[in-house]
Protein backbone atom coordinates (compact mmCIF):
# COMPACT_ATOMS: atom_id res chain seq x y z
CA MET A 1 -89.62 -30.50 7.94
CA PRO A 2 -86.90 -32.93 6.18
CA THR A 3 -86.45 -31.89 2.66
CA THR A 4 -86.65 -34.20 -0.61
CA THR A 5 -84.30 -34.64 -3.53
CA PRO A 6 -84.60 -36.41 -6.90
CA ALA A 7 -82.99 -39.72 -6.53
CA LEU A 8 -82.65 -43.41 -8.37
CA SER A 9 -84.26 -45.99 -6.26
CA VAL A 10 -84.95 -49.77 -6.46
CA PRO A 11 -88.18 -50.91 -5.28
CA ALA A 12 -87.57 -54.57 -4.88
CA ALA A 13 -85.32 -57.34 -5.79
CA GLY A 14 -84.98 -58.01 -9.56
CA LYS A 15 -86.63 -54.44 -10.33
CA PRO A 16 -85.07 -51.54 -12.45
CA PHE A 17 -84.15 -48.37 -11.20
CA GLY A 18 -86.92 -45.60 -10.90
CA ALA A 19 -86.88 -41.93 -10.25
CA ILE A 20 -88.32 -40.97 -6.89
CA GLU A 21 -88.51 -38.18 -4.34
CA LEU A 22 -85.97 -39.12 -1.48
CA GLU A 23 -86.26 -37.69 1.71
CA ARG A 24 -83.15 -36.33 3.60
CA ARG A 25 -83.11 -35.44 7.12
CA ASP A 26 -82.87 -31.51 8.49
CA LEU A 27 -79.53 -30.35 9.10
CA ARG A 28 -78.21 -31.30 12.65
CA ASP A 29 -75.72 -28.75 14.20
CA ASP A 30 -72.71 -30.85 12.68
CA ASP A 31 -74.34 -31.60 9.35
CA VAL A 32 -73.25 -30.71 5.82
CA ARG A 33 -75.82 -30.60 2.81
CA ILE A 34 -74.24 -31.61 -0.48
CA ASP A 35 -75.49 -30.83 -3.98
CA ILE A 36 -74.28 -34.11 -5.60
CA LYS A 37 -72.87 -33.70 -9.11
CA TRP A 38 -71.63 -37.29 -9.80
CA ALA A 39 -71.98 -40.64 -8.40
CA GLY A 40 -69.82 -43.42 -9.17
CA ILE A 41 -71.01 -47.02 -9.72
CA CYS A 42 -69.11 -49.46 -7.74
CA HIS A 43 -69.54 -53.30 -7.72
CA SER A 44 -70.69 -53.32 -4.50
CA ASP A 45 -73.72 -51.44 -5.45
CA ILE A 46 -74.45 -54.20 -7.89
CA HIS A 47 -73.75 -56.95 -5.39
CA THR A 48 -76.28 -55.06 -3.10
CA ILE A 49 -79.29 -54.69 -5.41
CA ARG A 50 -78.95 -57.96 -7.01
CA GLU A 51 -78.78 -59.62 -3.50
CA GLU A 52 -75.71 -61.48 -4.03
CA TRP A 53 -74.50 -60.63 -0.62
CA GLY A 54 -77.75 -61.56 1.23
CA LEU A 55 -81.12 -59.80 1.59
CA THR A 56 -81.16 -56.17 0.83
CA PRO A 57 -83.46 -53.72 2.54
CA PHE A 58 -85.55 -52.34 -0.18
CA PRO A 59 -86.69 -49.65 -1.45
CA LEU A 60 -83.17 -48.55 -1.87
CA THR A 61 -80.75 -45.75 -3.27
CA PRO A 62 -77.25 -46.94 -3.47
CA GLY A 63 -73.93 -45.37 -4.37
CA HIS A 64 -71.10 -44.35 -1.93
CA GLU A 65 -68.76 -42.58 -4.48
CA ILE A 66 -70.15 -39.12 -4.16
CA ALA A 67 -68.75 -35.84 -5.40
CA GLY A 68 -70.35 -32.70 -5.03
CA ILE A 69 -70.71 -28.94 -3.54
CA VAL A 70 -71.67 -27.81 -0.12
CA THR A 71 -74.75 -25.90 -0.11
CA GLU A 72 -75.65 -25.64 3.62
CA VAL A 73 -73.74 -26.41 7.01
CA GLY A 74 -75.15 -26.71 10.39
CA PRO A 75 -74.10 -24.12 13.11
CA ALA A 76 -71.28 -26.26 14.72
CA VAL A 77 -69.73 -27.17 11.31
CA THR A 78 -66.06 -25.80 11.13
CA ARG A 79 -64.45 -28.33 8.49
CA HIS A 80 -66.46 -27.19 5.35
CA LYS A 81 -68.41 -24.20 4.04
CA VAL A 82 -70.82 -23.38 1.55
CA GLY A 83 -69.21 -23.54 -1.94
CA ASP A 84 -66.48 -26.16 -0.89
CA ARG A 85 -65.91 -29.15 -3.34
CA VAL A 86 -66.34 -32.34 -1.30
CA GLY A 87 -66.98 -36.03 -1.35
CA ILE A 88 -68.44 -39.04 0.79
CA GLY A 89 -67.49 -42.51 0.57
CA CYS A 90 -68.43 -45.70 2.14
CA MET A 91 -69.46 -44.37 5.65
CA VAL A 92 -71.54 -41.57 6.89
CA ASP A 93 -71.23 -42.21 10.77
CA SER A 94 -69.46 -44.12 13.60
CA CYS A 95 -69.46 -43.58 17.27
CA GLY A 96 -66.38 -41.60 17.35
CA GLU A 97 -65.13 -42.77 20.87
CA CYS A 98 -63.82 -46.38 20.54
CA GLU A 99 -60.25 -47.08 20.05
CA GLN A 100 -60.72 -47.62 16.35
CA CYS A 101 -62.59 -44.33 15.73
CA LYS A 102 -59.82 -42.36 17.92
CA ASN A 103 -57.07 -44.24 15.63
CA GLY A 104 -58.92 -42.72 12.39
CA ASN A 105 -60.09 -46.63 11.57
CA GLU A 106 -63.86 -45.61 11.60
CA GLN A 107 -64.62 -48.29 9.29
CA TYR A 108 -63.74 -51.04 12.26
CA CYS A 109 -66.00 -48.93 14.82
CA GLU A 110 -66.74 -51.15 17.73
CA LYS A 111 -70.29 -49.97 18.02
CA GLY A 112 -70.57 -50.67 14.12
CA ALA A 113 -69.78 -48.15 11.49
CA VAL A 114 -72.84 -46.73 9.70
CA PHE A 115 -72.50 -47.20 5.88
CA THR A 116 -73.63 -44.76 3.14
CA TYR A 117 -76.47 -47.01 2.33
CA ALA A 118 -78.54 -50.06 3.41
CA SER A 119 -77.10 -49.35 6.71
CA GLU A 120 -79.23 -48.69 9.99
CA GLY A 121 -78.15 -45.46 11.27
CA TYR A 122 -77.87 -44.62 15.13
CA ASP A 123 -81.22 -43.16 14.81
CA GLY A 124 -82.91 -46.19 13.60
CA GLU A 125 -83.35 -44.94 10.01
CA LEU A 126 -82.10 -46.75 7.05
CA THR A 127 -79.38 -44.81 5.06
CA GLN A 128 -79.91 -44.11 1.57
CA GLY A 129 -76.67 -43.57 -0.79
CA GLY A 130 -75.69 -41.18 -3.48
CA TYR A 131 -77.64 -41.92 -6.63
CA ALA A 132 -79.45 -38.61 -5.85
CA GLN A 133 -79.15 -34.96 -6.37
CA ALA A 134 -78.40 -34.07 -2.46
CA ILE A 135 -77.36 -35.80 0.61
CA VAL A 136 -77.06 -34.91 4.31
CA ALA A 137 -74.03 -36.24 6.56
CA SER A 138 -72.01 -35.25 9.52
CA GLU A 139 -69.06 -33.05 8.94
CA ARG A 140 -66.79 -35.86 10.14
CA PHE A 141 -67.45 -37.88 7.01
CA VAL A 142 -67.39 -35.28 4.57
CA LEU A 143 -63.87 -35.36 2.60
CA SER A 144 -62.40 -32.21 1.05
CA ILE A 145 -61.65 -32.80 -2.94
CA PRO A 146 -58.66 -30.74 -3.74
CA GLU A 147 -58.36 -28.56 -6.77
CA GLY A 148 -56.65 -30.58 -9.37
CA ILE A 149 -59.06 -33.31 -9.59
CA GLU A 150 -62.26 -32.76 -11.61
CA LEU A 151 -65.51 -33.65 -9.50
CA ASP A 152 -66.28 -36.61 -12.03
CA GLU A 153 -62.83 -38.36 -11.92
CA ALA A 154 -62.82 -37.87 -8.05
CA ALA A 155 -66.03 -39.68 -7.31
CA PRO A 156 -64.76 -43.18 -7.69
CA LEU A 157 -61.79 -42.23 -5.42
CA LEU A 158 -64.06 -42.23 -2.35
CA CYS A 159 -64.38 -46.11 -2.45
CA ALA A 160 -61.91 -47.53 -5.37
CA GLY A 161 -59.28 -44.99 -4.51
CA ILE A 162 -59.14 -45.67 -0.94
CA THR A 163 -59.58 -49.36 -1.17
CA THR A 164 -56.22 -49.50 -3.18
CA TYR A 165 -54.36 -46.61 -1.53
CA ALA A 166 -54.78 -48.18 2.00
CA PRO A 167 -53.19 -51.65 1.40
CA LEU A 168 -50.42 -50.05 -0.87
CA LYS A 169 -49.38 -47.64 1.72
CA ARG A 170 -49.52 -50.13 4.66
CA TRP A 171 -47.55 -53.05 2.86
CA GLY A 172 -44.75 -50.77 1.58
CA ALA A 173 -45.48 -49.98 -2.18
CA ASP A 174 -42.70 -47.34 -2.18
CA LYS A 175 -39.79 -46.55 -4.21
CA GLY A 176 -38.00 -49.70 -5.39
CA ALA A 177 -40.73 -51.99 -4.31
CA LYS A 178 -41.95 -54.51 -7.12
CA VAL A 179 -45.71 -54.60 -7.04
CA ALA A 180 -48.10 -56.77 -9.14
CA VAL A 181 -51.88 -55.64 -9.53
CA VAL A 182 -54.06 -58.52 -10.31
CA GLY A 183 -56.87 -57.41 -12.49
CA MET A 184 -57.30 -54.10 -14.73
CA GLY A 185 -60.87 -53.11 -13.87
CA GLY A 186 -62.29 -50.06 -11.46
CA LEU A 187 -60.06 -51.11 -8.83
CA GLY A 188 -56.83 -52.42 -10.58
CA HIS A 189 -56.52 -49.05 -12.62
CA LEU A 190 -56.56 -47.12 -9.85
CA GLY A 191 -54.08 -49.63 -7.99
CA VAL A 192 -51.56 -49.12 -10.97
CA LYS A 193 -51.83 -45.26 -10.99
CA ILE A 194 -51.40 -45.04 -7.31
CA ALA A 195 -48.54 -47.58 -6.84
CA ALA A 196 -46.74 -46.21 -9.74
CA ALA A 197 -46.91 -42.78 -8.06
CA MET A 198 -45.75 -43.96 -5.00
CA GLY A 199 -42.61 -45.02 -6.55
CA ALA A 200 -43.24 -48.95 -7.17
CA GLU A 201 -42.46 -50.94 -10.33
CA VAL A 202 -45.79 -52.12 -11.10
CA THR A 203 -46.79 -55.33 -13.23
CA VAL A 204 -50.49 -55.98 -14.15
CA LEU A 205 -51.60 -59.69 -14.15
CA SER A 206 -54.99 -60.29 -15.68
CA ARG A 207 -56.69 -62.97 -17.80
CA SER A 208 -56.47 -60.84 -21.08
CA THR A 209 -53.93 -58.41 -22.02
CA ASP A 210 -56.34 -56.18 -24.11
CA LYS A 211 -55.94 -53.36 -21.80
CA SER A 212 -52.16 -53.45 -21.83
CA ALA A 213 -51.44 -49.92 -23.54
CA ASP A 214 -53.79 -48.54 -20.79
CA ALA A 215 -51.78 -50.01 -18.01
CA LYS A 216 -48.49 -48.70 -19.60
CA SER A 217 -49.80 -45.42 -19.75
CA TYR A 218 -50.71 -45.39 -15.98
CA GLY A 219 -47.31 -46.40 -15.07
CA ALA A 220 -46.95 -50.15 -15.24
CA VAL A 221 -44.00 -51.82 -16.89
CA ASP A 222 -45.52 -54.85 -18.12
CA HIS A 223 -48.99 -56.59 -18.39
CA LEU A 224 -48.98 -60.28 -18.36
CA SER A 225 -51.85 -62.78 -19.07
CA THR A 226 -52.49 -65.21 -16.09
CA LYS A 227 -53.96 -67.63 -18.86
CA ASP A 228 -50.44 -68.25 -20.08
CA GLU A 229 -48.63 -70.77 -17.74
CA LYS A 230 -45.27 -69.49 -18.58
CA THR A 231 -46.13 -66.25 -16.82
CA PHE A 232 -46.08 -68.05 -13.20
CA ASP A 233 -42.75 -69.72 -13.99
CA LYS A 234 -41.47 -66.39 -15.41
CA LEU A 235 -42.39 -64.39 -12.41
CA ALA A 236 -41.72 -66.72 -9.58
CA GLY A 237 -40.22 -65.03 -6.56
CA THR A 238 -40.47 -61.41 -8.41
CA PHE A 239 -42.79 -59.40 -6.12
CA ASP A 240 -42.74 -57.81 -2.59
CA LEU A 241 -46.46 -57.17 -2.97
CA ILE A 242 -49.39 -58.48 -4.83
CA LEU A 243 -52.69 -56.37 -4.81
CA ASN A 244 -55.44 -58.72 -5.65
CA THR A 245 -58.36 -56.49 -6.81
CA VAL A 246 -60.76 -59.25 -8.48
CA SER A 247 -63.44 -61.32 -6.74
CA ALA A 248 -62.53 -64.50 -8.75
CA ASP A 249 -61.71 -67.70 -7.10
CA LEU A 250 -58.01 -67.58 -8.03
CA PRO A 251 -55.53 -70.55 -7.75
CA MET A 252 -53.80 -68.76 -4.73
CA GLU A 253 -50.94 -71.43 -4.56
CA ASP A 254 -49.78 -70.17 -8.15
CA TYR A 255 -49.99 -66.27 -7.02
CA LEU A 256 -48.01 -66.91 -3.66
CA ARG A 257 -45.34 -68.50 -5.63
CA LEU A 258 -44.80 -65.13 -7.62
CA LEU A 259 -43.67 -63.60 -3.96
CA LYS A 260 -40.31 -62.91 -2.64
CA PRO A 261 -39.45 -63.99 0.78
CA PHE A 262 -41.25 -61.71 3.35
CA GLY A 263 -43.75 -60.80 0.51
CA ALA A 264 -47.56 -60.21 0.99
CA MET A 265 -50.49 -60.79 -1.12
CA VAL A 266 -53.32 -58.56 -0.15
CA ASN A 267 -57.12 -59.07 -1.24
CA VAL A 268 -59.52 -56.53 -1.67
CA GLY A 269 -61.94 -58.60 -3.67
CA LEU A 270 -64.69 -60.74 -2.18
CA PRO A 271 -64.97 -64.11 -4.00
CA THR A 272 -68.13 -66.33 -3.21
CA LYS A 273 -65.90 -69.28 -2.28
CA PRO A 274 -63.11 -69.84 0.19
CA TYR A 275 -59.50 -69.59 -0.89
CA SER A 276 -57.40 -72.98 -0.86
CA ILE A 277 -54.09 -72.25 0.85
CA THR A 278 -51.71 -74.95 2.26
CA PRO A 279 -49.57 -73.67 5.37
CA GLY A 280 -46.24 -74.55 3.66
CA SER A 281 -47.07 -71.98 0.95
CA LEU A 282 -46.75 -69.35 3.75
CA VAL A 283 -44.21 -70.69 6.00
CA HIS A 284 -41.71 -71.44 3.29
CA GLY A 285 -40.62 -67.60 2.69
CA ASP A 286 -42.16 -66.00 5.45
CA LYS A 287 -45.09 -65.02 3.10
CA ALA A 288 -48.44 -63.26 4.30
CA ILE A 289 -52.02 -63.52 2.81
CA ALA A 290 -54.11 -60.37 3.86
CA GLY A 291 -57.24 -58.45 3.34
CA SER A 292 -58.03 -54.99 3.42
CA LEU A 293 -61.39 -53.35 3.49
CA ILE A 294 -61.41 -49.49 2.89
CA GLY A 295 -59.74 -46.93 5.10
CA GLY A 296 -60.57 -44.41 7.81
CA ILE A 297 -61.42 -40.82 7.38
CA PRO A 298 -57.93 -39.55 7.93
CA ALA A 299 -56.50 -42.11 5.28
CA THR A 300 -59.23 -41.22 2.64
CA GLN A 301 -58.43 -37.48 2.84
CA GLU A 302 -54.72 -38.46 2.62
CA MET A 303 -55.45 -40.24 -0.61
CA LEU A 304 -57.41 -37.45 -2.12
CA ASP A 305 -54.53 -35.15 -1.34
CA PHE A 306 -52.00 -37.59 -2.79
CA CYS A 307 -53.91 -38.04 -5.81
CA ALA A 308 -54.47 -34.23 -6.35
CA GLU A 309 -50.63 -33.99 -5.84
CA HIS A 310 -49.90 -36.46 -8.72
CA GLY A 311 -52.53 -35.72 -10.93
CA ILE A 312 -54.42 -38.94 -10.50
CA GLY A 313 -58.31 -39.37 -11.30
CA ALA A 314 -60.25 -42.41 -12.07
CA THR A 315 -60.50 -43.32 -15.77
CA ILE A 316 -64.48 -42.55 -16.29
CA GLU A 317 -67.26 -43.09 -18.55
CA ARG A 318 -70.09 -40.62 -17.83
CA ILE A 319 -73.70 -41.80 -18.06
CA SER A 320 -77.29 -40.54 -17.19
CA ALA A 321 -79.45 -41.62 -14.85
CA ASP A 322 -81.54 -43.78 -17.52
CA GLU A 323 -78.41 -45.67 -18.34
CA VAL A 324 -77.69 -47.23 -15.08
CA ASP A 325 -79.67 -50.51 -15.49
CA ASP A 326 -77.77 -51.24 -18.42
CA ALA A 327 -74.32 -50.04 -16.87
CA TYR A 328 -74.79 -52.76 -14.04
CA ASP A 329 -74.75 -55.50 -16.98
CA LYS A 330 -71.76 -53.94 -18.51
CA VAL A 331 -69.76 -53.65 -15.30
CA VAL A 332 -70.36 -57.27 -14.48
CA ALA A 333 -69.17 -58.16 -18.36
CA GLY A 334 -66.35 -55.98 -17.73
CA ASP A 335 -67.38 -53.61 -20.48
CA VAL A 336 -66.38 -50.36 -18.87
CA ARG A 337 -63.02 -48.36 -18.99
CA TYR A 338 -62.95 -48.03 -16.12
CA ARG A 339 -65.66 -46.45 -13.86
CA TYR A 340 -69.03 -45.44 -14.53
CA VAL A 341 -69.99 -42.00 -13.01
CA ILE A 342 -73.72 -40.85 -13.23
CA ASP A 343 -74.68 -37.32 -13.92
CA THR A 344 -76.99 -36.82 -11.26
CA ALA A 345 -78.52 -33.76 -12.79
CA THR A 346 -80.26 -36.09 -15.08
CA ILE A 347 -82.32 -38.01 -12.68
CA GLY A 348 -85.90 -37.51 -13.02
CA LYS A 349 -85.47 -35.74 -16.46
């Protein structure tokens, strides 16, 4: 029979979180059972629970920034063993057979990736996420968390870390590159840390500069306000890459002016309205505007190894289960430095 685990769940739109006993499946041959220690709060969780991206299949336990310890493995498991420090990010399954899966880009599985929560699995069951004390998943989607990163600081890396690492690597944020990170929140602060560790010269752009000391301690050389019109004149033609981590409706023409010829602006946020861009702003200077989702499992493991090597973890605030509803409001208000993580041991207490 399937087992149950204490979890936080929302029963319907507009309702608060409550503690439940969540059913987890019996281990399949290739499954790993994980004792979840910490679960990060991603803005995607909030969008989903508040139905800002469409209808949500309630009741739902969100959470795709999961860090814990392996407690049981199926007989065919070879990648992990009991006692290992592991994590799960945004996905828990894919076909494993299509071109994208074979290339390590499971997020673009042609059959459709199965996401960690609010997603229909290939068995027809709705996935439930990591605001819980345990989870069961295929070993293919369980990542090793290296020594050198504390589990609580590692949890947000499973989404926010790979979301910033993947485009920074793809678009050349390496030694000598000049990179701007737009936004200094849960995504942005990791973008700064990772880009600086890659060797880039990093500038933070945001409405306020009240986090300037943090940005510079994470490796940025400057932090400028986008509310100051002089910023855009001062920085025109400066950057090889702009990583946009915010979901605001930005004046894209102004930001594209900041790029050098052949530069790129890569967006990882999801604003509710379309961007307004004239073709000339791209043609003149051979500039590119792109998007990036997360990253596949190989890239996510590479990111974790990179962060361990460079001593990078998320800057976090630890909270108990009864603080999650309030934490959601604070995330929306930008009142967190820089990622909330839930102590799952407090669920039901």
